[in-house]
Amino acid sequence: MEEETLYSVPDTDLDLSFTSCTSTATERTFASSSARTSLARSSLTLSFNESRLSTTSNFNNSTPTSIHLRPHRNSDPNWSAIKAATTLSSDGKLHLRHLKLLRHLGTGNLGRVFLCRLRDYDHANFALKVVDKDSLSNKKLSHVEMEAEILSMLDHPFLPTLYAHIEVSHYTCLLIDYCPGGDLHSLLCKQPSNRLPIQAVRFFAAEVLVALEYLHALGVVYRDLKPENVLLREDGHIMLSDFDLCFKADVVPTFENRVHANKVGSIIKNKQRRCGCFGSVFKRRDVKKRQSQLEEVVAEFVAEPTTAISRSCVGTHEYLAPELVSGNGHGNGVDWWAFGVFINELLYGTTPFKGWEQREHTAQYSIDQRCEVPRGG
């Protein structure tokens, strides 16, 4: 296990350098996507001096609603640590001097992520995503802004909590949950044939499904579902990550009455099928009575951004839906396509549209070819 190294710095200055962290794009990254390609920088120096630079934070004692607006996560012990730190702060805000970085966790397309803790609160671990805005194009800057906006909206056990959003000079810092279990792709690589038992697939698929439904209820289309972006919390539950490829659309949640077959009706229907090849003769009132027994009206909550539309081709090539590859416009359906590919990879250790080596051919393969489900255990 890698030994943690604490870097002690003065309260008014945070100056850390991490070198030799350059990584390259993986095979699973689509060429036209802005996701998963790492920054082509061999080192990043974080040099903040809060005596000279202005900072902003989402936490202020005069506006405690930033904590109470998240009722589903307000029992999280990390909130207690955040609240204690801001209470002791001279201006009631969370600053970078309140954080101590432990180690570098990884590098993404937009920035770098560090494991950190609040000073004097060693029981609370956080992930700090640091984005150097000077190194990004205008398009990628818009992705940073979108991710910060979406994170600020979330209040769900399977999605990250944004504890603080700090702007310092040309850096954007997002303080979110730390998941010590790694990601689901790493877990798959440790399994026989890179596949999970059916019970585990049901568990992870159910939690990802609930997370996607919540995002869609907010009008958010995720567009980046894959095992690498499904992180594992300390308690074994999942947390989706990386929201820079999302886009938002209007959604109007409604209740719709839908007709379903009930259990009693299913039993009656099966009995009718066994009455013989000519069936049974019933009076008109008996037919209506039996039909009412066969059906049940259920009110369902519907909140899908069905009007969402985008023509950006982003994502991971093996998970791209046909309408996304075609460039003719796509909506929330791309997430459900990716969800099916996700389940296939958990079950069989591979995606259904693997295709040839070239990423472009693999994407086209999902349009031209039929999906063949592997047979056997």
Foldseek 3Di string as FASTA:
>chain_A
DDDWDWDDDDLQKDWDKDFQADDAADLQFDPQALWFGFDRDGMDIDIFGCVPWPKDKPWAPVCPVLLVVQVLCNVPVLVVVLQVVLVPDPGSGDDPSQKIFTAWDHTISFFTKTWIDGPPCVVAIKIKTKGQQVRDDPLLVQLVVQVVVVLSVDRDPQAKHFSIWMDTDRMTITIIHDAPQAWQQVVLVPDVLSADPPVVLVQQLVLVVVVLQVCQLQQKQQQADARNQWGAHPVGHTYGDDRSPIDGDDKDKDKDKDKDFDPQLVVVVVVQVPPDPVTDDDDPVVVVVSVVNGIDIDIDIDIGRPVDKDQRQHYGLLLAALVNLVSPIDGNVSVVSSSVQRSLCNHRVHGQQCADSDSNRSNVSNVPDDGDRDDDD
